[in-house]
C-alpha atoms as a PDB file:
ATOM      1  CA  UNK A   1       0.124  30.331 -46.656  1.00  0.00           C
ATOM      2  CA  UNK A   2      -3.244  28.164 -45.768  1.00  0.00           C
ATOM      3  CA  UNK A   3      -6.402  29.658 -45.888  1.00  0.00           C
ATOM      4  CA  UNK A   4      -9.329  28.444 -44.206  1.00  0.00           C
ATOM      5  CA  UNK A   5     -12.853  28.884 -43.669  1.00  0.00           C
ATOM      6  CA  UNK A   6     -12.521  27.004 -40.341  1.00  0.00           C
ATOM      7  CA  UNK A   7     -11.555  28.297 -37.075  1.00  0.00           C
ATOM      8  CA  UNK A   8      -8.524  26.056 -36.827  1.00  0.00           C
ATOM      9  CA  UNK A   9      -6.057  23.832 -38.480  1.00  0.00           C
ATOM     10  CA  UNK A  10      -5.806  20.472 -37.933  1.00  0.00           C
ATOM     11  CA  UNK A  11      -2.417  19.269 -36.769  1.00  0.00           C
ATOM     12  CA  UNK A  12      -1.242  22.885 -36.699  1.00  0.00           C
ATOM     13  CA  UNK A  13      -1.897  24.350 -33.491  1.00  0.00           C
ATOM     14  CA  UNK A  14      -2.173  28.163 -33.656  1.00  0.00           C
ATOM     15  CA  UNK A  15       0.388  29.976 -31.526  1.00  0.00           C
ATOM     16  CA  UNK A  16      -0.503  33.693 -32.085  1.00  0.00           C
ATOM     17  CA  UNK A  17      -3.213  35.892 -33.384  1.00  0.00           C
ATOM     18  CA  UNK A  18      -2.281  38.918 -35.892  1.00  0.00           C
ATOM     19  CA  UNK A  19      -5.533  40.262 -36.092  1.00  0.00           C
ATOM     20  CA  UNK A  20      -8.717  40.509 -38.862  1.00  0.00           C
ATOM     21  CA  UNK A  21      -7.069  40.949 -42.301  1.00  0.00           C
ATOM     22  CA  UNK A  22      -9.352  41.877 -45.194  1.00  0.00           C
ATOM     23  CA  UNK A  23      -9.079  41.945 -49.251  1.00  0.00           C
ATOM     24  CA  UNK A  24     -11.122  43.511 -51.674  1.00  0.00           C
ATOM     25  CA  UNK A  25     -11.489  43.820 -55.689  1.00  0.00           C
ATOM     26  CA  UNK A  26     -14.278  46.191 -57.395  1.00  0.00           C
ATOM     27  CA  UNK A  27     -14.398  44.750 -61.009  1.00  0.00           C
ATOM     28  CA  UNK A  28     -16.345  46.942 -63.891  1.00  0.00           C
ATOM     29  CA  UNK A  29     -18.236  45.416 -66.482  1.00  0.00           C
ATOM     30  CA  UNK A  30     -18.220  46.527 -69.784  1.00  0.00           C
ATOM     31  CA  UNK A  31     -21.247  47.608 -72.022  1.00  0.00           C
ATOM     32  CA  UNK A  32     -20.618  44.634 -74.499  1.00  0.00           C
ATOM     33  CA  UNK A  33     -20.111  42.223 -72.018  1.00  0.00           C
ATOM     34  CA  UNK A  34     -23.882  43.452 -70.009  1.00  0.00           C
ATOM     35  CA  UNK A  35     -25.482  43.051 -73.915  1.00  0.00           C
ATOM     36  CA  UNK A  36     -24.291  39.374 -74.332  1.00  0.00           C
ATOM     37  CA  UNK A  37     -25.285  38.490 -70.370  1.00  0.00           C
ATOM     38  CA  UNK A  38     -28.695  40.131 -71.251  1.00  0.00           C
ATOM     39  CA  UNK A  39     -29.191  37.849 -74.385  1.00  0.00           C
ATOM     40  CA  UNK A  40     -27.717  34.973 -72.121  1.00  0.00           C
ATOM     41  CA  UNK A  41     -30.117  35.622 -69.406  1.00  0.00           C
ATOM     42  CA  UNK A  42     -33.171  35.647 -72.135  1.00  0.00           C
ATOM     43  CA  UNK A  43     -32.154  32.414 -73.800  1.00  0.00           C
ATOM     44  CA  UNK A  44     -30.779  30.591 -70.856  1.00  0.00           C
ATOM     45  CA  UNK A  45     -27.708  29.408 -69.854  1.00  0.00           C
ATOM     46  CA  UNK A  46     -24.581  30.846 -68.029  1.00  0.00           C
ATOM     47  CA  UNK A  47     -23.075  33.999 -68.283  1.00  0.00           C
ATOM     48  CA  UNK A  48     -19.415  32.884 -69.196  1.00  0.00           C
ATOM     49  CA  UNK A  49     -18.269  37.052 -69.425  1.00  0.00           C
ATOM     50  CA  UNK A  50     -19.639  37.344 -65.925  1.00  0.00           C
ATOM     51  CA  UNK A  51     -18.457  34.126 -64.299  1.00  0.00           C
ATOM     52  CA  UNK A  52     -14.840  35.088 -65.544  1.00  0.00           C
ATOM     53  CA  UNK A  53     -15.377  38.585 -64.325  1.00  0.00           C
ATOM     54  CA  UNK A  54     -16.557  36.719 -60.908  1.00  0.00           C
ATOM     55  CA  UNK A  55     -13.697  34.303 -60.402  1.00  0.00           C
ATOM     56  CA  UNK A  56     -11.223  37.271 -61.306  1.00  0.00           C
ATOM     57  CA  UNK A  57     -12.416  39.553 -58.711  1.00  0.00           C
ATOM     58  CA  UNK A  58     -12.563  36.149 -55.951  1.00  0.00           C
ATOM     59  CA  UNK A  59      -8.879  35.642 -56.911  1.00  0.00           C
ATOM     60  CA  UNK A  60      -7.614  39.065 -56.448  1.00  0.00           C
ATOM     61  CA  UNK A  61      -9.633  39.794 -53.041  1.00  0.00           C
ATOM     62  CA  UNK A  62      -8.141  36.560 -51.997  1.00  0.00           C
ATOM     63  CA  UNK A  63      -4.461  37.321 -53.067  1.00  0.00           C
ATOM     64  CA  UNK A  64      -4.819  40.509 -51.440  1.00  0.00           C
ATOM     65  CA  UNK A  65      -5.679  39.145 -48.334  1.00  0.00           C
ATOM     66  CA  UNK A  66      -3.155  36.821 -48.116  1.00  0.00           C
ATOM     67  CA  UNK A  67      -0.404  39.412 -48.853  1.00  0.00           C
ATOM     68  CA  UNK A  68      -2.208  41.524 -45.603  1.00  0.00           C
ATOM     69  CA  UNK A  69      -2.040  38.533 -43.667  1.00  0.00           C
ATOM     70  CA  UNK A  70       1.859  38.228 -44.612  1.00  0.00           C
ATOM     71  CA  UNK A  71       2.110  41.653 -43.960  1.00  0.00           C
ATOM     72  CA  UNK A  72       0.621  41.215 -40.318  1.00  0.00           C
ATOM     73  CA  UNK A  73       3.346  38.676 -39.756  1.00  0.00           C
ATOM     74  CA  UNK A  74       0.635  35.857 -40.179  1.00  0.00           C
ATOM     75  CA  UNK A  75       1.884  32.104 -42.022  1.00  0.00           C
ATOM     76  CA  UNK A  76      -2.383  31.661 -42.272  1.00  0.00           C
ATOM     77  CA  UNK A  77      -5.730  32.753 -42.129  1.00  0.00           C
ATOM     78  CA  UNK A  78      -8.422  31.281 -40.690  1.00  0.00           C
ATOM     79  CA  UNK A  79     -12.316  31.883 -40.467  1.00  0.00           C
ATOM     80  CA  UNK A  80     -12.120  33.295 -44.082  1.00  0.00           C
ATOM     81  CA  UNK A  81     -15.351  34.816 -45.486  1.00  0.00           C
ATOM     82  CA  UNK A  82     -16.471  35.956 -48.927  1.00  0.00           C
ATOM     83  CA  UNK A  83     -18.864  38.385 -49.666  1.00  0.00           C
ATOM     84  CA  UNK A  84     -19.917  39.623 -53.165  1.00  0.00           C
ATOM     85  CA  UNK A  85     -21.802  42.789 -53.509  1.00  0.00           C
ATOM     86  CA  UNK A  86     -22.884  44.674 -56.580  1.00  0.00           C
ATOM     87  CA  UNK A  87     -21.930  48.201 -56.576  1.00  0.00           C
ATOM     88  CA  UNK A  88     -23.588  50.898 -58.692  1.00  0.00           C
ATOM     89  CA  UNK A  89     -25.102  49.380 -62.089  1.00  0.00           C
ATOM     90  CA  UNK A  90     -21.819  47.690 -63.568  1.00  0.00           C
ATOM     91  CA  UNK A  91     -19.363  47.252 -60.784  1.00  0.00           C
ATOM     92  CA  UNK A  92     -19.079  43.919 -58.732  1.00  0.00           C
ATOM     93  CA  UNK A  93     -17.213  43.912 -55.385  1.00  0.00           C
ATOM     94  CA  UNK A  94     -15.920  40.830 -53.919  1.00  0.00           C
ATOM     95  CA  UNK A  95     -14.697  41.309 -50.530  1.00  0.00           C
ATOM     96  CA  UNK A  96     -12.623  38.301 -48.189  1.00  0.00           C
ATOM     97  CA  UNK A  97     -11.845  38.651 -44.589  1.00  0.00           C
ATOM     98  CA  UNK A  98     -10.437  36.522 -42.038  1.00  0.00           C
ATOM     99  CA  UNK A  99      -8.120  36.286 -38.972  1.00  0.00           C
ATOM    100  CA  UNK A 100      -4.099  36.352 -39.678  1.00  0.00           C
ATOM    101  CA  UNK A 101      -2.522  33.732 -37.316  1.00  0.00           C
ATOM    102  CA  UNK A 102       0.632  32.167 -36.708  1.00  0.00           C
ATOM    103  CA  UNK A 103       0.518  28.316 -37.003  1.00  0.00           C
ATOM    104  CA  UNK A 104       2.916  25.774 -35.752  1.00  0.00           C
END
């Protein structure tokens, strides 16, 4: 399945629109990871623990988006948008949305 941020897919005409689809992932962080990420913030550098958690959340949201597009009868998703939010003190939410389409 093709997932793209563009509104069309070159060389593949859109033959049907199946509607908006969304995939979400909410991931919790833990106290140990928060502690070490805080140290990284103080001394500088990147927080590998949070980057890994963010990647997991993004992949989960995209996988769910693809599953919902397939369930709607689509074989591609155009106009994909990713949104990131912090929920509460230690939850990360990633939302992926787009339009499920059928391409020829």
